[in-house]
Amino acid sequence: MNIERFIEARKAMGFSQVELAEGICTQATLSRFENNGRIPNLKILIKLCNRLGLPLGDLFPKVGVRYTETIETMNQAEFFLVTSEYQQAAALLSTIAVDTIEDSTLSLRYLYLQGFIMIFQNCSITDILFNFDKILLEDDSSGSEIFRLLAYTGTGMVYFRENEQEKAEFYFNKVLEKIYLYKETELEDTWRVLNILFHCSVFYSEVHEIEASNTLLHYALSICSDNHVTFYLARVASQLVKNAINQNEPQELILELIYDARAYAKINKNTVLLNELATLEQSILANDYELDEKR
């Protein structure tokens, strides 16, 4: 409680403690409140504030208000990351004065978002890894665990982009050692677990370990179902399409997966993915037509 605000208001009104307390409480009660932080009962506190013309709410701490705008900006940037709109995500992050953020969790979130967005903007490996290294060098507190796993994931993605498969696999393996044991505590945690599972699945698909990729994707789908989360459903379903194509699954199955992914993409308004799925569908149908012509 902001007792200093109360004292300032009393002095500004010209009341002594005795004068303010008269008819409401004892001077000793008021003194214990102002000098020792012993809060009187609510009825007394309301009467004291009313005499001062001071809204009682002014005494309560403004929980979360300071960073409300920053959190909303990061939420939108994280959504753009999910929908592959990296330019919009980068533009939003650029509006955040990161040097003014004192909350450690927000700082870690900013670094994770910045690092992932830079990957998809093909920034230099040293600049990207600098963001992830900052996360990994933080104290290993409970609040930082999910961001450490994201940093490992991002680092693996960077090395794979640079054709360093062995190094990439080292970091992805570190993630998989822990991700199945991680317990999400908030909705945002669920988004980040899905982010990790999706990008790990992409890596294993790219190195032709489709079974491992599909296992991760189906785990992601179960998390979406259990938590009623639609974020990442579209991208997970889309990766299942690509894996089915790589495994030469029947056209009927591939098209069914495309239609599922399209439905999820519409829910999330993921226009980037909708365009990609339309191209895949045309390709699958064209290939089937070519086969019919040869027959």
C-alpha atoms as a PDB file:
ATOM      1  CA  MET A   1       0.000   0.000   0.000  1.00  0.00           C
ATOM      2  CA  ASN A   2       1.245   3.485  -0.873  1.00  0.00           C
ATOM      3  CA  ILE A   3       1.265   5.025   2.605  1.00  0.00           C
ATOM      4  CA  GLU A   4       3.450   7.919   1.408  1.00  0.00           C
ATOM      5  CA  ARG A   5       0.611   8.978  -0.889  1.00  0.00           C
ATOM      6  CA  PHE A   6      -1.720   9.045   2.132  1.00  0.00           C
ATOM      7  CA  ILE A   7       0.693  11.164   4.216  1.00  0.00           C
ATOM      8  CA  GLU A   8       1.222  13.587   1.328  1.00  0.00           C
ATOM      9  CA  ALA A   9      -2.543  14.035   0.990  1.00  0.00           C
ATOM     10  CA  ARG A  10      -2.967  14.664   4.748  1.00  0.00           C
ATOM     11  CA  LYS A  11      -0.240  17.278   4.818  1.00  0.00           C
ATOM     12  CA  ALA A  12      -1.524  18.937   1.650  1.00  0.00           C
ATOM     13  CA  MET A  13      -4.945  19.323   3.340  1.00  0.00           C
ATOM     14  CA  GLY A  14      -3.280  20.810   6.429  1.00  0.00           C
ATOM     15  CA  PHE A  15      -4.483  18.100   8.820  1.00  0.00           C
ATOM     16  CA  SER A  16      -2.486  16.957  11.814  1.00  0.00           C
ATOM     17  CA  GLN A  17      -2.871  13.300  12.777  1.00  0.00           C
ATOM     18  CA  VAL A  18      -5.126  14.294  15.672  1.00  0.00           C
ATOM     19  CA  GLU A  19      -7.338  16.453  13.428  1.00  0.00           C
ATOM     20  CA  LEU A  20      -7.678  13.814  10.738  1.00  0.00           C
ATOM     21  CA  ALA A  21      -8.423  11.041  13.231  1.00  0.00           C
ATOM     22  CA  GLU A  22     -11.063  12.974  15.171  1.00  0.00           C
ATOM     23  CA  GLY A  23     -14.362  11.115  15.178  1.00  0.00           C
ATOM     24  CA  ILE A  24     -12.964   8.262  13.087  1.00  0.00           C
ATOM     25  CA  CYS A  25     -10.255   6.534  15.083  1.00  0.00           C
ATOM     26  CA  THR A  26      -7.603   7.223  17.703  1.00  0.00           C
ATOM     27  CA  GLN A  27      -4.509   9.222  16.860  1.00  0.00           C
ATOM     28  CA  ALA A  28      -2.494   6.140  17.871  1.00  0.00           C
ATOM     29  CA  THR A  29      -4.263   4.076  15.187  1.00  0.00           C
ATOM     30  CA  LEU A  30      -3.402   6.662  12.544  1.00  0.00           C
ATOM     31  CA  SER A  31       0.177   6.923  13.797  1.00  0.00           C
ATOM     32  CA  ARG A  32       0.657   3.155  13.603  1.00  0.00           C
ATOM     33  CA  PHE A  33      -0.629   3.262  10.016  1.00  0.00           C
ATOM     34  CA  GLU A  34       1.621   6.107   8.857  1.00  0.00           C
ATOM     35  CA  ASN A  35       4.757   5.186  10.812  1.00  0.00           C
ATOM     36  CA  ASN A  36       4.636   1.402  11.102  1.00  0.00           C
ATOM     37  CA  GLY A  37       2.515   0.340   8.135  1.00  0.00           C
ATOM     38  CA  ARG A  38      -0.193  -1.222  10.300  1.00  0.00           C
ATOM     39  CA  ILE A  39      -3.293  -0.861   8.138  1.00  0.00           C
ATOM     40  CA  PRO A  40      -6.535  -0.075  10.025  1.00  0.00           C
ATOM     41  CA  ASN A  41      -9.729  -1.888   9.160  1.00  0.00           C
ATOM     42  CA  LEU A  42     -11.300  -1.055   5.848  1.00  0.00           C
ATOM     43  CA  LYS A  43     -14.172   1.050   7.244  1.00  0.00           C
ATOM     44  CA  ILE A  44     -11.747   3.345   9.088  1.00  0.00           C
ATOM     45  CA  LEU A  45      -9.461   3.602   6.073  1.00  0.00           C
ATOM     46  CA  ILE A  46     -12.363   4.570   3.804  1.00  0.00           C
ATOM     47  CA  LYS A  47     -13.494   7.322   6.235  1.00  0.00           C
ATOM     48  CA  LEU A  48      -9.957   8.704   6.489  1.00  0.00           C
ATOM     49  CA  CYS A  49      -9.570   8.782   2.715  1.00  0.00           C
ATOM     50  CA  ASN A  50     -13.003  10.393   2.271  1.00  0.00           C
ATOM     51  CA  ARG A  51     -12.037  13.174   4.683  1.00  0.00           C
ATOM     52  CA  LEU A  52      -8.938  13.784   2.604  1.00  0.00           C
ATOM     53  CA  GLY A  53     -10.817  13.581  -0.692  1.00  0.00           C
ATOM     54  CA  LEU A  54      -8.404  10.799  -1.615  1.00  0.00           C
ATOM     55  CA  PRO A  55      -9.675   7.813  -3.664  1.00  0.00           C
ATOM     56  CA  LEU A  56      -8.872   4.651  -1.745  1.00  0.00           C
ATOM     57  CA  GLY A  57      -7.675   3.048  -4.987  1.00  0.00           C
ATOM     58  CA  ASP A  58      -4.808   5.540  -5.126  1.00  0.00           C
ATOM     59  CA  LEU A  59      -3.222   3.734  -2.193  1.00  0.00           C
ATOM     60  CA  PHE A  60      -3.155   0.319  -3.815  1.00  0.00           C
ATOM     61  CA  PRO A  61      -0.206  -0.811  -5.942  1.00  0.00           C
ATOM     62  CA  LYS A  62      -0.840  -0.668  -9.671  1.00  0.00           C
ATOM     63  CA  VAL A  63      -0.132  -4.313 -10.415  1.00  0.00           C
ATOM     64  CA  GLY A  64       1.044  -4.863 -13.975  1.00  0.00           C
ATOM     65  CA  VAL A  65       0.014  -1.411 -15.174  1.00  0.00           C
ATOM     66  CA  ARG A  66       3.535  -0.248 -15.908  1.00  0.00           C
ATOM     67  CA  TYR A  67       4.154  -2.875 -18.562  1.00  0.00           C
ATOM     68  CA  THR A  68       0.632  -3.330 -19.906  1.00  0.00           C
ATOM     69  CA  GLU A  69       1.412  -1.704 -23.251  1.00  0.00           C
ATOM     70  CA  THR A  70       4.689  -3.590 -23.592  1.00  0.00           C
ATOM     71  CA  ILE A  71       2.979  -6.910 -22.834  1.00  0.00           C
ATOM     72  CA  GLU A  72       0.258  -6.233 -25.387  1.00  0.00           C
ATOM     73  CA  THR A  73       2.883  -5.372 -27.996  1.00  0.00           C
ATOM     74  CA  MET A  74       4.773  -8.588 -27.281  1.00  0.00           C
ATOM     75  CA  ASN A  75       1.541 -10.596 -27.425  1.00  0.00           C
ATOM     76  CA  GLN A  76       0.828  -9.259 -30.891  1.00  0.00           C
ATOM     77  CA  ALA A  77       4.436  -9.817 -32.003  1.00  0.00           C
ATOM     78  CA  GLU A  78       4.265 -13.406 -30.738  1.00  0.00           C
ATOM     79  CA  PHE A  79       1.046 -13.917 -32.694  1.00  0.00           C
ATOM     80  CA  PHE A  80       2.732 -12.582 -35.856  1.00  0.00           C
ATOM     81  CA  LEU A  81       5.565 -15.045 -35.201  1.00  0.00           C
ATOM     82  CA  VAL A  82       3.009 -17.868 -35.151  1.00  0.00           C
ATOM     83  CA  THR A  83       1.429 -16.660 -38.406  1.00  0.00           C
ATOM     84  CA  SER A  84       4.821 -16.199 -40.118  1.00  0.00           C
ATOM     85  CA  GLU A  85       4.351 -12.436 -40.500  1.00  0.00           C
ATOM     86  CA  TYR A  86       7.906 -11.670 -39.482  1.00  0.00           C
ATOM     87  CA  GLN A  87       8.129  -8.143 -40.841  1.00  0.00           C
ATOM     88  CA  GLN A  88       5.120  -7.055 -38.788  1.00  0.00           C
ATOM     89  CA  ALA A  89       6.545  -8.776 -35.711  1.00  0.00           C
ATOM     90  CA  ALA A  90       9.880  -7.015 -36.141  1.00  0.00           C
ATOM     91  CA  ALA A  91       8.158  -3.652 -36.583  1.00  0.00           C
ATOM     92  CA  LEU A  92       6.259  -4.136 -33.322  1.00  0.00           C
ATOM     93  CA  LEU A  93       9.363  -5.131 -31.354  1.00  0.00           C
ATOM     94  CA  SER A  94      11.198  -2.061 -32.643  1.00  0.00           C
ATOM     95  CA  THR A  95       8.662   0.117 -30.784  1.00  0.00           C
ATOM     96  CA  ILE A  96       9.664  -1.353 -27.415  1.00  0.00           C
ATOM     97  CA  ALA A  97      12.289   0.529 -25.411  1.00  0.00           C
ATOM     98  CA  VAL A  98      13.952  -2.636 -24.179  1.00  0.00           C
ATOM     99  CA  ASP A  99      16.503  -0.770 -22.045  1.00  0.00           C
ATOM    100  CA  THR A 100      13.684   0.500 -19.831  1.00  0.00           C
ATOM    101  CA  ILE A 101      12.358  -2.983 -19.032  1.00  0.00           C
ATOM    102  CA  GLU A 102      13.323  -4.007 -15.518  1.00  0.00           C
ATOM    103  CA  ASP A 103      11.113  -7.077 -15.325  1.00  0.00           C
ATOM    104  CA  SER A 104      13.386 -10.073 -15.987  1.00  0.00           C
ATOM    105  CA  THR A 105      10.648 -12.251 -17.511  1.00  0.00           C
ATOM    106  CA  LEU A 106       9.709  -9.535 -20.007  1.00  0.00           C
ATOM    107  CA  SER A 107      13.365  -9.054 -20.913  1.00  0.00           C
ATOM    108  CA  LEU A 108      13.753 -12.783 -21.592  1.00  0.00           C
ATOM    109  CA  ARG A 109      10.573 -12.776 -23.663  1.00  0.00           C
ATOM    110  CA  TYR A 110      11.853  -9.876 -25.736  1.00  0.00           C
ATOM    111  CA  LEU A 111      15.168 -11.656 -26.377  1.00  0.00           C
ATOM    112  CA  TYR A 112      13.433 -14.867 -27.450  1.00  0.00           C
ATOM    113  CA  LEU A 113      11.109 -13.030 -29.838  1.00  0.00           C
ATOM    114  CA  GLN A 114      13.931 -10.933 -31.249  1.00  0.00           C
ATOM    115  CA  GLY A 115      16.100 -13.997 -31.819  1.00  0.00           C
ATOM    116  CA  PHE A 116      13.399 -16.015 -33.586  1.00  0.00           C
ATOM    117  CA  ILE A 117      12.318 -13.124 -35.779  1.00  0.00           C
ATOM    118  CA  MET A 118      15.938 -12.478 -36.777  1.00  0.00           C
ATOM    119  CA  ILE A 119      16.272 -16.117 -37.854  1.00  0.00           C
ATOM    120  CA  PHE A 120      13.460 -15.725 -40.363  1.00  0.00           C
ATOM    121  CA  GLN A 121      14.842 -12.407 -41.542  1.00  0.00           C
ATOM    122  CA  ASN A 122      18.165 -14.116 -42.324  1.00  0.00           C
ATOM    123  CA  CYS A 123      20.183 -11.925 -39.967  1.00  0.00           C
ATOM    124  CA  SER A 124      23.789 -12.802 -39.182  1.00  0.00           C
ATOM    125  CA  ILE A 125      24.427 -15.825 -37.010  1.00  0.00           C
ATOM    126  CA  THR A 126      26.424 -13.819 -34.443  1.00  0.00           C
ATOM    127  CA  ASP A 127      23.644 -11.254 -33.984  1.00  0.00           C
ATOM    128  CA  ILE A 128      21.026 -13.973 -33.524  1.00  0.00           C
ATOM    129  CA  LEU A 129      23.083 -16.066 -31.127  1.00  0.00           C
ATOM    130  CA  PHE A 130      23.861 -12.966 -29.051  1.00  0.00           C
ATOM    131  CA  ASN A 131      20.156 -12.783 -28.121  1.00  0.00           C
ATOM    132  CA  PHE A 132      19.991 -16.464 -27.203  1.00  0.00           C
ATOM    133  CA  ASP A 133      23.284 -16.307 -25.268  1.00  0.00           C
ATOM    134  CA  LYS A 134      21.854 -13.530 -23.113  1.00  0.00           C
ATOM    135  CA  ILE A 135      19.013 -15.856 -22.167  1.00  0.00           C
ATOM    136  CA  LEU A 136      21.290 -18.818 -21.470  1.00  0.00           C
ATOM    137  CA  LEU A 137      23.592 -16.706 -19.286  1.00  0.00           C
ATOM    138  CA  GLU A 138      20.722 -15.608 -17.034  1.00  0.00           C
ATOM    139  CA  ASP A 139      20.290 -17.249 -13.647  1.00  0.00           C
ATOM    140  CA  ASP A 140      18.588 -20.605 -14.069  1.00  0.00           C
ATOM    141  CA  SER A 141      15.449 -19.626 -12.182  1.00  0.00           C
ATOM    142  CA  SER A 142      12.100 -21.347 -12.594  1.00  0.00           C
ATOM    143  CA  GLY A 143      10.773 -18.413 -14.614  1.00  0.00           C
ATOM    144  CA  SER A 144      13.581 -18.666 -17.133  1.00  0.00           C
ATOM    145  CA  GLU A 145      13.310 -22.396 -17.921  1.00  0.00           C
ATOM    146  CA  ILE A 146      10.935 -22.061 -20.872  1.00  0.00           C
ATOM    147  CA  PHE A 147      13.043 -19.268 -22.350  1.00  0.00           C
ATOM    148  CA  ARG A 148      16.184 -21.389 -22.009  1.00  0.00           C
ATOM    149  CA  LEU A 149      14.447 -24.145 -23.965  1.00  0.00           C
ATOM    150  CA  LEU A 150      13.439 -21.588 -26.596  1.00  0.00           C
ATOM    151  CA  ALA A 151      17.021 -20.355 -26.743  1.00  0.00           C
ATOM    152  CA  TYR A 152      18.267 -23.922 -27.316  1.00  0.00           C
ATOM    153  CA  THR A 153      15.635 -24.356 -30.032  1.00  0.00           C
ATOM    154  CA  GLY A 154      16.574 -21.104 -31.741  1.00  0.00           C
ATOM    155  CA  THR A 155      20.271 -21.935 -31.556  1.00  0.00           C
ATOM    156  CA  GLY A 156      19.594 -25.299 -33.183  1.00  0.00           C
ATOM    157  CA  MET A 157      17.607 -23.570 -35.928  1.00  0.00           C
ATOM    158  CA  VAL A 158      20.469 -21.157 -36.605  1.00  0.00           C
ATOM    159  CA  TYR A 159      23.079 -23.898 -36.888  1.00  0.00           C
ATOM    160  CA  PHE A 160      20.834 -25.928 -39.167  1.00  0.00           C
ATOM    161  CA  ARG A 161      20.309 -22.866 -41.352  1.00  0.00           C
ATOM    162  CA  GLU A 162      24.106 -22.670 -41.602  1.00  0.00           C
ATOM    163  CA  ASN A 163      24.268 -26.362 -42.635  1.00  0.00           C
ATOM    164  CA  GLU A 164      25.825 -27.355 -39.310  1.00  0.00           C
ATOM    165  CA  GLN A 165      23.602 -30.370 -38.738  1.00  0.00           C
ATOM    166  CA  GLU A 166      25.669 -31.968 -35.968  1.00  0.00           C
ATOM    167  CA  LYS A 167      25.682 -28.762 -33.916  1.00  0.00           C
ATOM    168  CA  ALA A 168      21.991 -28.221 -34.579  1.00  0.00           C
ATOM    169  CA  GLU A 169      21.133 -31.728 -33.409  1.00  0.00           C
ATOM    170  CA  PHE A 170      23.098 -31.156 -30.198  1.00  0.00           C
ATOM    171  CA  TYR A 171      20.797 -28.264 -29.247  1.00  0.00           C
ATOM    172  CA  PHE A 172      17.591 -29.940 -30.381  1.00  0.00           C
ATOM    173  CA  ASN A 173      18.493 -32.980 -28.289  1.00  0.00           C
ATOM    174  CA  LYS A 174      18.978 -30.745 -25.240  1.00  0.00           C
ATOM    175  CA  VAL A 175      15.460 -29.442 -25.795  1.00  0.00           C
ATOM    176  CA  LEU A 176      13.904 -32.891 -26.171  1.00  0.00           C
ATOM    177  CA  GLU A 177      15.550 -34.050 -22.944  1.00  0.00           C
ATOM    178  CA  LYS A 178      13.376 -31.580 -21.025  1.00  0.00           C
ATOM    179  CA  ILE A 179      10.368 -30.493 -23.059  1.00  0.00           C
ATOM    180  CA  TYR A 180       8.302 -33.604 -22.272  1.00  0.00           C
ATOM    181  CA  LEU A 181       8.753 -32.921 -18.554  1.00  0.00           C
ATOM    182  CA  TYR A 182       7.955 -29.216 -18.724  1.00  0.00           C
ATOM    183  CA  LYS A 183       4.675 -28.238 -17.067  1.00  0.00           C
ATOM    184  CA  GLU A 184       2.959 -25.203 -18.549  1.00  0.00           C
ATOM    185  CA  THR A 185       1.615 -22.815 -15.934  1.00  0.00           C
ATOM    186  CA  GLU A 186       0.109 -20.102 -18.162  1.00  0.00           C
ATOM    187  CA  LEU A 187      -1.440 -19.859 -21.614  1.00  0.00           C
ATOM    188  CA  GLU A 188       1.657 -18.100 -22.929  1.00  0.00           C
ATOM    189  CA  ASP A 189       3.734 -21.069 -21.756  1.00  0.00           C
ATOM    190  CA  THR A 190       1.552 -23.327 -23.891  1.00  0.00           C
ATOM    191  CA  TRP A 191       2.251 -21.171 -26.960  1.00  0.00           C
ATOM    192  CA  ARG A 192       5.983 -21.458 -26.328  1.00  0.00           C
ATOM    193  CA  VAL A 193       5.935 -25.218 -25.815  1.00  0.00           C
ATOM    194  CA  LEU A 194       4.081 -25.493 -29.119  1.00  0.00           C
ATOM    195  CA  ASN A 195       6.656 -23.212 -30.739  1.00  0.00           C
ATOM    196  CA  ILE A 196       9.439 -25.520 -29.539  1.00  0.00           C
ATOM    197  CA  LEU A 197       7.692 -28.718 -30.615  1.00  0.00           C
ATOM    198  CA  PHE A 198       6.885 -27.301 -34.048  1.00  0.00           C
ATOM    199  CA  HIS A 199      10.396 -26.143 -34.871  1.00  0.00           C
ATOM    200  CA  CYS A 200      11.916 -29.369 -33.524  1.00  0.00           C
ATOM    201  CA  SER A 201       9.526 -31.297 -35.777  1.00  0.00           C
ATOM    202  CA  VAL A 202      10.594 -29.215 -38.779  1.00  0.00           C
ATOM    203  CA  PHE A 203      14.239 -30.016 -38.077  1.00  0.00           C
ATOM    204  CA  TYR A 204      13.623 -33.771 -37.860  1.00  0.00           C
ATOM    205  CA  SER A 205      11.544 -33.644 -41.026  1.00  0.00           C
ATOM    206  CA  GLU A 206      14.336 -31.833 -42.856  1.00  0.00           C
ATOM    207  CA  VAL A 207      16.876 -34.484 -41.817  1.00  0.00           C
ATOM    208  CA  HIS A 208      14.432 -37.197 -43.008  1.00  0.00           C
ATOM    209  CA  GLU A 209      13.505 -38.523 -39.578  1.00  0.00           C
ATOM    210  CA  ILE A 210       9.809 -38.311 -40.369  1.00  0.00           C
ATOM    211  CA  GLU A 211       8.667 -40.638 -37.595  1.00  0.00           C
ATOM    212  CA  ALA A 212      10.307 -38.423 -34.959  1.00  0.00           C
ATOM    213  CA  SER A 213       8.823 -35.348 -36.606  1.00  0.00           C
ATOM    214  CA  ASN A 214       5.317 -36.818 -36.661  1.00  0.00           C
ATOM    215  CA  THR A 215       5.600 -37.866 -33.011  1.00  0.00           C
ATOM    216  CA  LEU A 216       6.363 -34.287 -32.010  1.00  0.00           C
ATOM    217  CA  LEU A 217       3.570 -32.929 -34.196  1.00  0.00           C
ATOM    218  CA  HIS A 218       0.975 -35.274 -32.742  1.00  0.00           C
ATOM    219  CA  TYR A 219       2.137 -34.338 -29.247  1.00  0.00           C
ATOM    220  CA  ALA A 220       1.622 -30.688 -30.205  1.00  0.00           C
ATOM    221  CA  LEU A 221      -1.871 -31.478 -31.469  1.00  0.00           C
ATOM    222  CA  SER A 222      -2.736 -33.169 -28.177  1.00  0.00           C
ATOM    223  CA  ILE A 223      -1.591 -30.078 -26.267  1.00  0.00           C
ATOM    224  CA  CYS A 224      -3.775 -27.878 -28.474  1.00  0.00           C
ATOM    225  CA  SER A 225      -6.742 -30.174 -27.862  1.00  0.00           C
ATOM    226  CA  ASP A 226      -6.243 -30.490 -24.111  1.00  0.00           C
ATOM    227  CA  ASN A 227      -5.818 -26.742 -23.631  1.00  0.00           C
ATOM    228  CA  HIS A 228      -8.355 -25.565 -26.248  1.00  0.00           C
ATOM    229  CA  VAL A 229      -5.614 -23.611 -28.023  1.00  0.00           C
ATOM    230  CA  THR A 230      -5.840 -22.862 -31.741  1.00  0.00           C
ATOM    231  CA  PHE A 231      -2.474 -21.117 -32.053  1.00  0.00           C
ATOM    232  CA  TYR A 232      -0.058 -23.374 -33.935  1.00  0.00           C
ATOM    233  CA  LEU A 233      -2.747 -25.853 -34.962  1.00  0.00           C
ATOM    234  CA  ALA A 234      -2.470 -24.614 -38.542  1.00  0.00           C
ATOM    235  CA  ARG A 235       1.322 -24.821 -38.694  1.00  0.00           C
ATOM    236  CA  VAL A 236       1.415 -28.222 -37.016  1.00  0.00           C
ATOM    237  CA  ALA A 237      -1.186 -29.544 -39.458  1.00  0.00           C
ATOM    238  CA  SER A 238       0.713 -28.003 -42.367  1.00  0.00           C
ATOM    239  CA  GLN A 239       3.923 -29.758 -41.349  1.00  0.00           C
ATOM    240  CA  LEU A 240       2.023 -33.043 -41.195  1.00  0.00           C
ATOM    241  CA  VAL A 241       1.033 -32.365 -44.825  1.00  0.00           C
ATOM    242  CA  LYS A 242       4.673 -31.919 -45.829  1.00  0.00           C
ATOM    243  CA  ASN A 243       5.694 -35.048 -43.961  1.00  0.00           C
ATOM    244  CA  ALA A 244       2.939 -37.046 -45.697  1.00  0.00           C
ATOM    245  CA  ILE A 245       4.189 -35.783 -49.078  1.00  0.00           C
ATOM    246  CA  ASN A 246       7.753 -36.789 -48.184  1.00  0.00           C
ATOM    247  CA  GLN A 247       6.506 -40.257 -47.261  1.00  0.00           C
ATOM    248  CA  ASN A 248       4.543 -40.583 -50.537  1.00  0.00           C
ATOM    249  CA  GLU A 249       1.274 -41.095 -48.706  1.00  0.00           C
ATOM    250  CA  PRO A 250      -1.909 -41.506 -50.811  1.00  0.00           C
ATOM    251  CA  GLN A 251      -3.313 -38.353 -52.404  1.00  0.00           C
ATOM    252  CA  GLU A 252      -6.586 -38.727 -50.494  1.00  0.00           C
ATOM    253  CA  LEU A 253      -4.780 -38.617 -47.141  1.00  0.00           C
ATOM    254  CA  ILE A 254      -2.629 -35.642 -48.170  1.00  0.00           C
ATOM    255  CA  LEU A 255      -5.645 -33.656 -49.344  1.00  0.00           C
ATOM    256  CA  GLU A 256      -7.488 -34.427 -46.114  1.00  0.00           C
ATOM    257  CA  LEU A 257      -4.524 -33.091 -44.133  1.00  0.00           C
ATOM    258  CA  ILE A 258      -4.438 -29.988 -46.354  1.00  0.00           C
ATOM    259  CA  TYR A 259      -8.121 -29.319 -45.710  1.00  0.00           C
ATOM    260  CA  ASP A 260      -7.597 -29.687 -41.944  1.00  0.00           C
ATOM    261  CA  ALA A 261      -4.674 -27.291 -42.026  1.00  0.00           C
ATOM    262  CA  ARG A 262      -6.659 -24.826 -44.137  1.00  0.00           C
ATOM    263  CA  ALA A 263      -9.510 -24.808 -41.606  1.00  0.00           C
ATOM    264  CA  TYR A 264      -7.114 -24.062 -38.762  1.00  0.00           C
ATOM    265  CA  ALA A 265      -5.352 -21.385 -40.806  1.00  0.00           C
ATOM    266  CA  LYS A 266      -8.682 -19.657 -41.432  1.00  0.00           C
ATOM    267  CA  ILE A 267      -9.422 -19.640 -37.702  1.00  0.00           C
ATOM    268  CA  ASN A 268      -6.053 -18.016 -36.993  1.00  0.00           C
ATOM    269  CA  LYS A 269      -6.300 -15.690 -40.023  1.00  0.00           C
ATOM    270  CA  ASN A 270      -2.933 -17.008 -41.191  1.00  0.00           C
ATOM    271  CA  THR A 271      -2.924 -15.716 -44.764  1.00  0.00           C
ATOM    272  CA  VAL A 272       0.690 -16.740 -45.349  1.00  0.00           C
ATOM    273  CA  LEU A 273      -0.137 -20.361 -44.605  1.00  0.00           C
ATOM    274  CA  LEU A 274      -3.396 -20.264 -46.579  1.00  0.00           C
ATOM    275  CA  ASN A 275      -1.466 -19.245 -49.690  1.00  0.00           C
ATOM    276  CA  GLU A 276       1.123 -21.959 -49.070  1.00  0.00           C
ATOM    277  CA  LEU A 277      -1.587 -24.607 -48.652  1.00  0.00           C
ATOM    278  CA  ALA A 278      -3.335 -23.503 -51.836  1.00  0.00           C
ATOM    279  CA  THR A 279      -0.075 -23.987 -53.734  1.00  0.00           C
ATOM    280  CA  LEU A 280       0.423 -27.430 -52.171  1.00  0.00           C
ATOM    281  CA  GLU A 281      -3.103 -28.466 -53.068  1.00  0.00           C
ATOM    282  CA  GLN A 282      -2.646 -27.404 -56.691  1.00  0.00           C
ATOM    283  CA  SER A 283       0.624 -29.300 -56.844  1.00  0.00           C
ATOM    284  CA  ILE A 284      -0.911 -32.488 -55.448  1.00  0.00           C
ATOM    285  CA  LEU A 285      -3.896 -32.318 -57.795  1.00  0.00           C
ATOM    286  CA  ALA A 286      -1.645 -31.566 -60.787  1.00  0.00           C
ATOM    287  CA  ASN A 287       0.600 -34.510 -60.017  1.00  0.00           C
ATOM    288  CA  ASP A 288      -2.406 -36.788 -59.797  1.00  0.00           C
ATOM    289  CA  TYR A 289      -3.680 -35.471 -63.139  1.00  0.00           C
ATOM    290  CA  GLU A 290      -0.302 -36.179 -64.726  1.00  0.00           C
ATOM    291  CA  LEU A 291      -0.405 -39.737 -63.422  1.00  0.00           C
ATOM    292  CA  ASP A 292      -3.895 -40.230 -64.897  1.00  0.00           C
ATOM    293  CA  GLU A 293      -2.680 -38.938 -68.279  1.00  0.00           C
ATOM    294  CA  LYS A 294       0.209 -41.407 -68.285  1.00  0.00           C
ATOM    295  CA  ARG A 295      -2.154 -44.258 -67.558  1.00  0.00           C
END
